[in-house]
Amino acid sequence: MATKTPKIRFSRFDAAWEQRKLGDIATLINGRAFSQNELLEQGKYPILRVGNFYTNGSWYFSNMKLEEKFYAARGDLLYTWSASFGPHIWEGEKVIFHYHIWKIELTEKLDKQFALFLLDKDKDNLLSGSNGSTMIHITKSGMEEKKLWIPKDKTEQKKIGTFLKKLEETITLHQKKLEHFKKLKESLLQNMFPREGEIFPRLRFPEFTDAWEQRKLGDLMDVSSVKRIHQSDWTQQGIPFYRARDIVAYFKNQVPNDCLYISKEKYEECCASSGKVCLDDLLVTGVGTIGVPYLIKNLEPLYFKDGNIIWFKNKGVIDGKFLYYSFNGSSIQRYIKESAGTGTVGTYTIENGRRTPIYLPSKSEQKQIGELFSNLEFLVTLHQRKLAQLKKLKTCLFNNLFVN
């Protein structure tokens, strides 16, 4: 019998792993096939379908009493094998499981939690056809013939399963925290800025009671762009040169994978006629994904593509963070979409930028609102990065805690 060892082991375990067919160490049971007219909107027994694990929250029911093998109880190991693929430990009440789901009954040779992660790690291999294409489904016989590497010692299996379960729970926790802060930000954006036609926000700091004033940005600051840079002026290093897609990437807390630059000499030449961006100025995308803001937070030199990006020369007229988050709010975003036109490719122009309406409170209220959203954005970014790190760690452990 073939044997191998993984790259990373828990202490005290040094025995080689053995290769076994899944069908020799587990039994796969197909769910019940239902015709469409057998699926009821209401009934006695809920029917678990593939979509209920992923994106479909609606349930069908049946009034038929079936053989016990067609029911999944809490703690059963299930595997979806059509449309979406992968193992799950069922955490709900007793249900009928649909034909496109297998219930996997394990022998004493396999720990359930270990088997969950082993099958999860291996699902990409199961879906790879001989020609490299992704198969529409996998067969029960093909699954039973699948060869898997397992440790002989079930204690090692339990160690691996328990460790990865804790990691998975940590990932889920950070995912929930991230979603919480995103929803909080969205709610505050809707309520801490006045809605269209109103002069008071629905939610504000208690020390502020005055009405907000609506102004057009072109009446408060210069709105323009810069001198054109040609493709022949691009370099591999020097002064950062931003396109609209670069600003969209930074807005999503991503780093562009094809950054561009211009020489310092070209930068100085162009700035002599266009000027240089200043602290708290705002750049806003005018093409592609329009209306995406980028706040100038320091005096590091940068240049950008004319026509693609609108330059709001704030010069401290409005608190920079408040201006940035105003462009995140529904009022300005609605104006940008309406002013961009109904054509195939909408554009946000300099003239539309000048006409952009903004609601303004006192400078002190602007500052508090800007700081609040900035702190909230920090928490969103923090959990995004932590989540990305944890997912990378999971991938690394999958590649090293199991035999490939």
Protein backbone atom coordinates (compact mmCIF):
# COMPACT_ATOMS: atom_id res chain seq x y z
CA MET A 1 0.00 0.00 0.00
CA ALA A 2 1.34 3.44 -0.99
CA THR A 3 2.37 5.72 1.88
CA LYS A 4 3.36 9.39 2.19
CA THR A 5 3.71 12.05 4.88
CA PRO A 6 2.52 15.69 4.92
CA LYS A 7 4.99 18.58 5.15
CA ILE A 8 3.61 19.85 8.49
CA ARG A 9 2.77 17.51 11.39
CA PHE A 10 1.62 17.93 14.95
CA SER A 11 4.20 16.71 17.47
CA ARG A 12 4.23 13.01 18.38
CA PHE A 13 2.94 11.95 14.96
CA ASP A 14 5.46 10.50 12.53
CA ALA A 15 3.76 7.47 10.96
CA ALA A 16 3.22 7.56 7.21
CA TRP A 17 -0.24 8.24 5.81
CA GLU A 18 -1.98 5.61 3.70
CA GLN A 19 -3.95 5.97 0.48
CA ARG A 20 -7.51 4.65 0.53
CA LYS A 21 -10.51 4.78 -1.80
CA LEU A 22 -13.32 6.88 -0.37
CA GLY A 23 -15.78 4.06 -1.10
CA ASP A 24 -13.76 1.72 1.16
CA ILE A 25 -13.91 4.02 4.19
CA ALA A 26 -17.30 5.71 3.68
CA THR A 27 -20.75 5.04 2.25
CA LEU A 28 -22.38 7.60 -0.06
CA ILE A 29 -26.18 7.82 -0.01
CA ASN A 30 -28.12 9.71 -2.68
CA GLY A 31 -30.93 12.00 -1.63
CA ARG A 32 -34.52 11.72 -2.85
CA ALA A 33 -35.33 12.96 -6.36
CA PHE A 34 -38.40 15.20 -6.49
CA SER A 35 -40.36 16.28 -9.55
CA GLN A 36 -41.36 19.94 -9.63
CA ASN A 37 -45.02 19.19 -8.80
CA GLU A 38 -43.92 17.28 -5.68
CA LEU A 39 -42.24 20.38 -4.24
CA LEU A 40 -44.70 22.19 -1.97
CA GLU A 41 -44.63 25.80 -0.75
CA GLN A 42 -45.72 24.52 2.66
CA GLY A 43 -45.66 21.07 4.19
CA LYS A 44 -44.53 18.84 7.01
CA TYR A 45 -40.97 17.98 5.96
CA PRO A 46 -38.51 20.64 4.68
CA ILE A 47 -36.46 19.61 1.63
CA LEU A 48 -32.79 20.58 1.66
CA ARG A 49 -31.51 21.50 -1.82
CA VAL A 50 -28.05 22.54 -3.06
CA GLY A 51 -29.06 26.21 -3.21
CA ASN A 52 -29.93 26.26 0.48
CA PHE A 53 -26.24 25.84 1.29
CA TYR A 54 -25.15 28.75 -0.93
CA THR A 55 -27.44 31.48 -2.28
CA ASN A 56 -31.06 30.32 -2.19
CA GLY A 57 -32.85 31.03 1.05
CA SER A 58 -36.25 29.69 -0.07
CA TRP A 59 -37.36 26.23 0.99
CA TYR A 60 -39.68 23.60 -0.46
CA PHE A 61 -41.53 21.00 1.56
CA SER A 62 -43.02 17.51 1.27
CA ASN A 63 -45.82 15.74 3.12
CA MET A 64 -44.48 12.27 2.22
CA LYS A 65 -42.98 10.10 4.95
CA LEU A 66 -39.81 8.63 3.43
CA GLU A 67 -37.28 5.96 4.37
CA GLU A 68 -34.90 7.09 7.10
CA LYS A 69 -31.95 7.07 4.69
CA PHE A 70 -33.39 10.12 2.90
CA TYR A 71 -33.24 12.28 6.03
CA ALA A 72 -30.31 14.36 7.24
CA ALA A 73 -30.02 15.08 10.96
CA ARG A 74 -27.89 17.60 12.79
CA GLY A 75 -24.22 16.60 12.56
CA ASP A 76 -24.51 14.56 9.35
CA LEU A 77 -21.76 14.97 6.75
CA LEU A 78 -23.30 15.99 3.41
CA TYR A 79 -21.80 16.70 -0.01
CA THR A 80 -23.38 18.84 -2.74
CA TRP A 81 -22.42 17.50 -6.15
CA SER A 82 -24.28 19.49 -8.83
CA ALA A 83 -23.96 23.20 -9.73
CA SER A 84 -22.05 23.90 -6.48
CA PHE A 85 -19.65 21.38 -4.99
CA GLY A 86 -18.36 20.69 -1.53
CA PRO A 87 -18.81 19.06 1.88
CA HIS A 88 -20.90 20.42 4.76
CA ILE A 89 -21.74 19.31 8.26
CA TRP A 90 -25.47 19.88 8.59
CA GLU A 91 -26.24 22.13 11.58
CA GLY A 92 -30.03 22.40 11.26
CA GLU A 93 -33.03 20.34 12.22
CA LYS A 94 -33.93 17.04 10.57
CA VAL A 95 -34.67 17.47 6.84
CA ILE A 96 -35.13 15.48 3.64
CA PHE A 97 -32.08 15.97 1.44
CA HIS A 98 -32.45 16.32 -2.32
CA TYR A 99 -31.02 14.02 -5.00
CA HIS A 100 -28.09 16.37 -5.77
CA ILE A 101 -26.75 15.88 -2.24
CA TRP A 102 -24.98 12.85 -0.84
CA LYS A 103 -25.03 11.86 2.80
CA ILE A 104 -21.61 10.42 3.66
CA GLU A 105 -21.60 7.80 6.39
CA LEU A 106 -18.06 7.24 7.66
CA THR A 107 -16.47 4.06 8.95
CA GLU A 108 -14.47 4.05 12.17
CA LYS A 109 -11.35 4.84 10.12
CA LEU A 110 -12.37 8.47 9.51
CA ASP A 111 -12.96 11.35 11.91
CA LYS A 112 -15.88 13.47 10.67
CA GLN A 113 -14.27 16.91 11.10
CA PHE A 114 -11.07 15.69 9.43
CA ALA A 115 -13.11 14.21 6.57
CA LEU A 116 -14.91 17.54 6.09
CA PHE A 117 -11.66 19.42 5.51
CA LEU A 118 -10.06 16.58 3.54
CA LEU A 119 -12.99 16.58 1.09
CA ASP A 120 -13.06 20.38 1.00
CA LYS A 121 -9.36 20.49 0.13
CA ASP A 122 -9.78 17.83 -2.53
CA LYS A 123 -12.90 19.17 -4.28
CA ASP A 124 -10.95 21.07 -6.96
CA ASN A 125 -9.26 17.82 -8.00
CA LEU A 126 -12.63 16.10 -8.20
CA LEU A 127 -13.94 18.77 -10.58
CA SER A 128 -10.98 18.74 -12.96
CA GLY A 129 -11.74 16.75 -16.10
CA SER A 130 -9.08 14.90 -18.08
CA ASN A 131 -9.01 17.74 -20.61
CA GLY A 132 -8.64 20.40 -17.94
CA SER A 133 -12.24 21.62 -18.17
CA THR A 134 -14.64 21.81 -15.24
CA MET A 135 -17.19 19.02 -15.17
CA ILE A 136 -20.90 19.80 -14.82
CA HIS A 137 -21.24 17.14 -12.12
CA ILE A 138 -19.40 14.23 -10.56
CA THR A 139 -20.74 10.69 -10.36
CA LYS A 140 -21.27 8.66 -7.22
CA SER A 141 -19.06 5.85 -8.58
CA GLY A 142 -16.36 8.36 -9.49
CA MET A 143 -16.49 9.80 -5.99
CA GLU A 144 -16.27 6.33 -4.43
CA GLU A 145 -13.20 5.54 -6.54
CA LYS A 146 -11.48 8.76 -5.46
CA LYS A 147 -8.20 8.01 -3.67
CA LEU A 148 -7.49 10.00 -0.52
CA TRP A 149 -4.52 10.16 1.82
CA ILE A 150 -5.36 9.68 5.51
CA PRO A 151 -3.36 9.14 8.71
CA LYS A 152 -3.79 5.70 10.23
CA ASP A 153 -3.92 7.23 13.71
CA LYS A 154 -7.38 8.72 14.23
CA THR A 155 -5.98 10.93 16.97
CA GLU A 156 -3.94 12.77 14.33
CA GLN A 157 -7.08 13.15 12.24
CA LYS A 158 -8.88 14.69 15.22
CA LYS A 159 -6.00 17.10 15.86
CA ILE A 160 -6.08 18.34 12.27
CA GLY A 161 -9.88 18.56 12.17
CA THR A 162 -10.14 20.44 15.47
CA PHE A 163 -7.36 22.87 14.52
CA LEU A 164 -8.88 23.69 11.12
CA LYS A 165 -12.35 24.02 12.63
CA LYS A 166 -11.05 26.70 15.02
CA LEU A 167 -9.40 28.48 12.08
CA GLU A 168 -12.66 28.28 10.09
CA GLU A 169 -14.58 29.71 13.05
CA THR A 170 -12.10 32.59 13.28
CA ILE A 171 -12.51 33.29 9.56
CA THR A 172 -16.30 33.28 9.95
CA LEU A 173 -16.05 35.63 12.94
CA HIS A 174 -13.98 38.16 10.99
CA GLN A 175 -16.31 37.83 8.00
CA LYS A 176 -19.27 38.67 10.25
CA LYS A 177 -17.43 41.62 11.81
CA LEU A 178 -16.51 42.91 8.35
CA GLU A 179 -20.12 42.66 7.18
CA HIS A 180 -21.27 44.40 10.37
CA PHE A 181 -18.97 47.38 9.85
CA LYS A 182 -19.87 47.61 6.15
CA LYS A 183 -23.58 47.66 6.97
CA LEU A 184 -22.99 50.21 9.73
CA LYS A 185 -21.11 52.45 7.31
CA GLU A 186 -23.89 52.16 4.72
CA SER A 187 -26.53 52.98 7.33
CA LEU A 188 -24.62 56.01 8.60
CA LEU A 189 -24.05 57.28 5.05
CA GLN A 190 -27.81 57.21 4.54
CA ASN A 191 -28.61 58.96 7.81
CA MET A 192 -25.75 61.34 8.68
CA PHE A 193 -26.17 63.37 5.47
CA PRO A 194 -29.45 65.13 4.57
CA ARG A 195 -31.58 63.37 2.01
CA GLU A 196 -32.63 65.07 -1.18
CA GLY A 197 -34.85 68.07 -0.47
CA GLU A 198 -34.02 68.10 3.26
CA ILE A 199 -31.73 70.38 5.28
CA PHE A 200 -31.29 68.23 8.39
CA PRO A 201 -29.75 64.74 8.59
CA ARG A 202 -31.73 61.99 10.32
CA LEU A 203 -28.82 61.27 12.66
CA ARG A 204 -26.18 63.66 14.02
CA PHE A 205 -23.98 64.45 17.01
CA PRO A 206 -26.10 65.98 19.82
CA GLU A 207 -24.20 69.28 20.04
CA PHE A 208 -25.18 70.27 16.48
CA THR A 209 -28.68 71.53 15.65
CA ASP A 210 -28.29 74.08 12.82
CA ALA A 211 -29.66 73.44 9.34
CA TRP A 212 -27.25 72.37 6.61
CA GLU A 213 -26.67 74.56 3.57
CA GLN A 214 -26.79 73.24 0.01
CA ARG A 215 -24.10 74.61 -2.34
CA LYS A 216 -22.63 73.73 -5.72
CA LEU A 217 -19.00 72.63 -5.58
CA GLY A 218 -18.09 74.91 -8.49
CA ASP A 219 -19.11 77.92 -6.37
CA LEU A 220 -16.77 76.84 -3.59
CA MET A 221 -13.64 75.67 -5.39
CA ASP A 222 -11.95 75.31 -8.76
CA VAL A 223 -12.96 72.10 -10.56
CA SER A 224 -10.70 71.11 -13.45
CA SER A 225 -8.19 68.51 -14.64
CA VAL A 226 -4.52 68.52 -15.70
CA LYS A 227 -2.30 68.83 -18.76
CA ARG A 228 -2.39 65.72 -20.93
CA ILE A 229 0.19 62.97 -20.55
CA HIS A 230 0.79 60.76 -23.60
CA GLN A 231 1.48 57.04 -23.42
CA SER A 232 5.01 57.67 -24.65
CA ASP A 233 5.61 59.59 -21.38
CA TRP A 234 4.85 56.59 -19.17
CA THR A 235 7.76 55.09 -17.25
CA GLN A 236 8.37 52.11 -14.94
CA GLN A 237 9.35 54.31 -12.01
CA GLY A 238 9.19 57.92 -10.91
CA ILE A 239 6.10 59.94 -10.01
CA PRO A 240 2.90 57.84 -9.65
CA PHE A 241 0.48 58.34 -12.55
CA TYR A 242 -3.14 57.45 -11.74
CA ARG A 243 -5.82 56.33 -14.15
CA ALA A 244 -9.50 55.97 -13.25
CA ARG A 245 -9.09 52.21 -12.69
CA ASP A 246 -6.25 52.85 -10.24
CA ILE A 247 -8.51 55.06 -8.13
CA VAL A 248 -11.24 52.41 -8.22
CA ALA A 249 -8.69 49.83 -6.99
CA TYR A 250 -7.56 52.05 -4.09
CA PHE A 251 -11.21 52.71 -3.20
CA LYS A 252 -11.64 48.93 -2.82
CA ASN A 253 -8.48 48.70 -0.65
CA GLN A 254 -6.65 46.97 -3.50
CA VAL A 255 -3.29 47.74 -5.08
CA PRO A 256 -3.24 48.08 -8.88
CA ASN A 257 -1.15 45.34 -10.48
CA ASP A 258 0.12 47.52 -13.34
CA CYS A 259 1.10 50.84 -11.76
CA LEU A 260 2.32 53.58 -14.08
CA TYR A 261 4.71 56.46 -13.53
CA ILE A 262 6.09 59.56 -15.25
CA SER A 263 9.50 61.11 -14.88
CA LYS A 264 10.11 63.86 -12.34
CA GLU A 265 11.05 66.19 -15.20
CA LYS A 266 7.76 65.58 -17.02
CA TYR A 267 5.87 65.98 -13.73
CA GLU A 268 7.46 69.37 -13.04
CA GLU A 269 6.85 70.49 -16.62
CA CYS A 270 3.13 69.61 -16.47
CA CYS A 271 2.62 70.99 -12.97
CA ALA A 272 4.04 74.32 -14.10
CA SER A 273 0.83 74.83 -16.10
CA SER A 274 -1.68 72.63 -14.23
CA GLY A 275 -0.55 73.03 -10.63
CA LYS A 276 0.04 70.34 -7.99
CA VAL A 277 -2.51 68.47 -5.95
CA CYS A 278 -2.76 69.71 -2.36
CA LEU A 279 -3.75 68.18 0.96
CA ASP A 280 -7.53 67.52 1.12
CA ASP A 281 -8.01 67.92 -2.63
CA LEU A 282 -10.31 65.31 -4.16
CA LEU A 283 -9.88 63.30 -7.36
CA VAL A 284 -13.04 61.67 -8.77
CA THR A 285 -13.31 59.18 -11.62
CA GLY A 286 -15.13 60.52 -14.69
CA VAL A 287 -15.08 57.42 -16.91
CA GLY A 288 -15.58 53.68 -16.42
CA THR A 289 -16.82 53.30 -12.85
CA ILE A 290 -17.74 56.95 -12.41
CA GLY A 291 -17.98 58.96 -9.22
CA VAL A 292 -15.32 57.09 -7.23
CA PRO A 293 -13.40 59.51 -4.97
CA TYR A 294 -9.74 59.59 -3.94
CA LEU A 295 -8.69 61.96 -1.13
CA ILE A 296 -5.22 63.52 -1.17
CA LYS A 297 -3.95 62.71 2.33
CA ASN A 298 -0.32 63.83 2.08
CA LEU A 299 2.02 65.96 -0.01
CA GLU A 300 3.65 63.08 -1.88
CA PRO A 301 3.72 64.04 -5.60
CA LEU A 302 1.33 62.32 -8.01
CA TYR A 303 -0.17 63.01 -11.40
CA PHE A 304 -3.26 61.66 -13.14
CA LYS A 305 -4.90 61.14 -16.50
CA ASP A 306 -6.73 64.18 -17.86
CA GLY A 307 -10.35 63.69 -18.83
CA ASN A 308 -10.57 60.42 -16.89
CA ILE A 309 -10.32 62.08 -13.48
CA ILE A 310 -11.93 65.28 -12.19
CA TRP A 311 -9.86 67.42 -9.81
CA PHE A 312 -11.65 69.27 -6.99
CA LYS A 313 -9.14 71.86 -5.71
CA ASN A 314 -10.46 72.02 -2.19
CA LYS A 315 -7.71 74.12 -0.54
CA GLY A 316 -9.29 73.61 2.88
CA VAL A 317 -12.69 75.09 1.99
CA ILE A 318 -14.38 71.85 3.10
CA ASP A 319 -12.98 69.34 5.59
CA GLY A 320 -11.23 66.82 3.35
CA LYS A 321 -12.63 63.67 4.95
CA PHE A 322 -16.13 65.15 4.98
CA LEU A 323 -15.83 65.97 1.27
CA TYR A 324 -14.64 62.44 0.52
CA TYR A 325 -17.48 60.75 2.40
CA SER A 326 -20.02 63.14 0.91
CA PHE A 327 -19.06 61.57 -2.43
CA ASN A 328 -19.77 58.17 -0.85
CA GLY A 329 -23.27 59.29 0.08
CA SER A 330 -26.45 58.68 -1.91
CA SER A 331 -27.17 62.35 -2.72
CA ILE A 332 -24.01 63.06 -4.72
CA GLN A 333 -23.90 59.56 -6.20
CA ARG A 334 -27.48 59.97 -7.44
CA TYR A 335 -26.57 63.32 -9.05
CA ILE A 336 -23.50 61.81 -10.75
CA LYS A 337 -25.52 58.95 -12.25
CA GLU A 338 -28.30 61.27 -13.41
CA SER A 339 -25.90 63.80 -14.94
CA ALA A 340 -23.83 61.12 -16.69
CA GLY A 341 -26.57 60.56 -19.27
CA THR A 342 -28.31 57.42 -20.44
CA GLY A 343 -25.83 56.39 -23.14
CA THR A 344 -23.87 53.15 -23.18
CA VAL A 345 -20.83 54.85 -21.63
CA GLY A 346 -21.71 57.44 -19.00
CA THR A 347 -19.21 60.17 -18.14
CA TYR A 348 -18.84 62.56 -15.22
CA THR A 349 -17.48 65.77 -16.72
CA ILE A 350 -15.75 68.82 -15.30
CA GLU A 351 -18.88 70.87 -15.92
CA ASN A 352 -21.01 68.30 -14.07
CA GLY A 353 -18.42 68.37 -11.30
CA ARG A 354 -18.90 72.13 -10.94
CA ARG A 355 -22.66 71.68 -10.71
CA THR A 356 -22.44 68.89 -8.15
CA PRO A 357 -24.61 69.79 -5.12
CA ILE A 358 -23.29 69.26 -1.61
CA TYR A 359 -24.89 69.74 1.80
CA LEU A 360 -22.65 71.51 4.30
CA PRO A 361 -22.88 71.90 8.08
CA SER A 362 -20.46 73.92 10.20
CA LYS A 363 -16.75 73.15 9.83
CA SER A 364 -16.65 71.58 13.31
CA GLU A 365 -19.52 69.22 12.44
CA GLN A 366 -17.83 68.40 9.13
CA LYS A 367 -14.69 67.44 11.03
CA GLN A 368 -16.49 65.15 13.47
CA ILE A 369 -18.40 63.39 10.71
CA GLY A 370 -15.22 62.97 8.67
CA GLU A 371 -13.36 61.50 11.63
CA LEU A 372 -16.21 59.12 12.45
CA PHE A 373 -16.28 57.68 8.93
CA SER A 374 -12.49 57.59 8.77
CA ASN A 375 -12.35 55.50 11.94
CA LEU A 376 -15.08 53.23 10.63
CA GLU A 377 -13.22 52.84 7.34
CA PHE A 378 -10.11 51.85 9.31
CA LEU A 379 -12.07 49.04 10.99
CA VAL A 380 -13.41 47.85 7.63
CA THR A 381 -9.91 47.81 6.15
CA LEU A 382 -8.47 46.11 9.24
CA HIS A 383 -10.95 43.24 9.05
CA GLN A 384 -10.56 42.96 5.27
CA ARG A 385 -6.82 42.52 5.66
CA LYS A 386 -7.17 40.14 8.59
CA LEU A 387 -9.68 38.08 6.64
CA ALA A 388 -7.38 37.94 3.61
CA GLN A 389 -4.48 36.83 5.84
CA LEU A 390 -6.57 34.10 7.46
CA LYS A 391 -7.74 32.79 4.08
CA LYS A 392 -4.14 32.68 2.85
CA LEU A 393 -3.17 30.83 6.03
CA LYS A 394 -5.98 28.33 5.42
CA THR A 395 -4.77 27.72 1.86
CA CYS A 396 -1.21 27.25 3.10
CA LEU A 397 -2.31 24.79 5.77
CA PHE A 398 -4.45 22.86 3.29
CA ASN A 399 -1.35 22.46 1.13
CA ASN A 400 0.86 21.34 4.00
CA LEU A 401 -1.24 19.58 6.66
CA PHE A 402 -2.51 17.07 4.07
CA VAL A 403 -0.69 14.84 1.63
CA ASN A 404 -0.97 16.15 -1.92
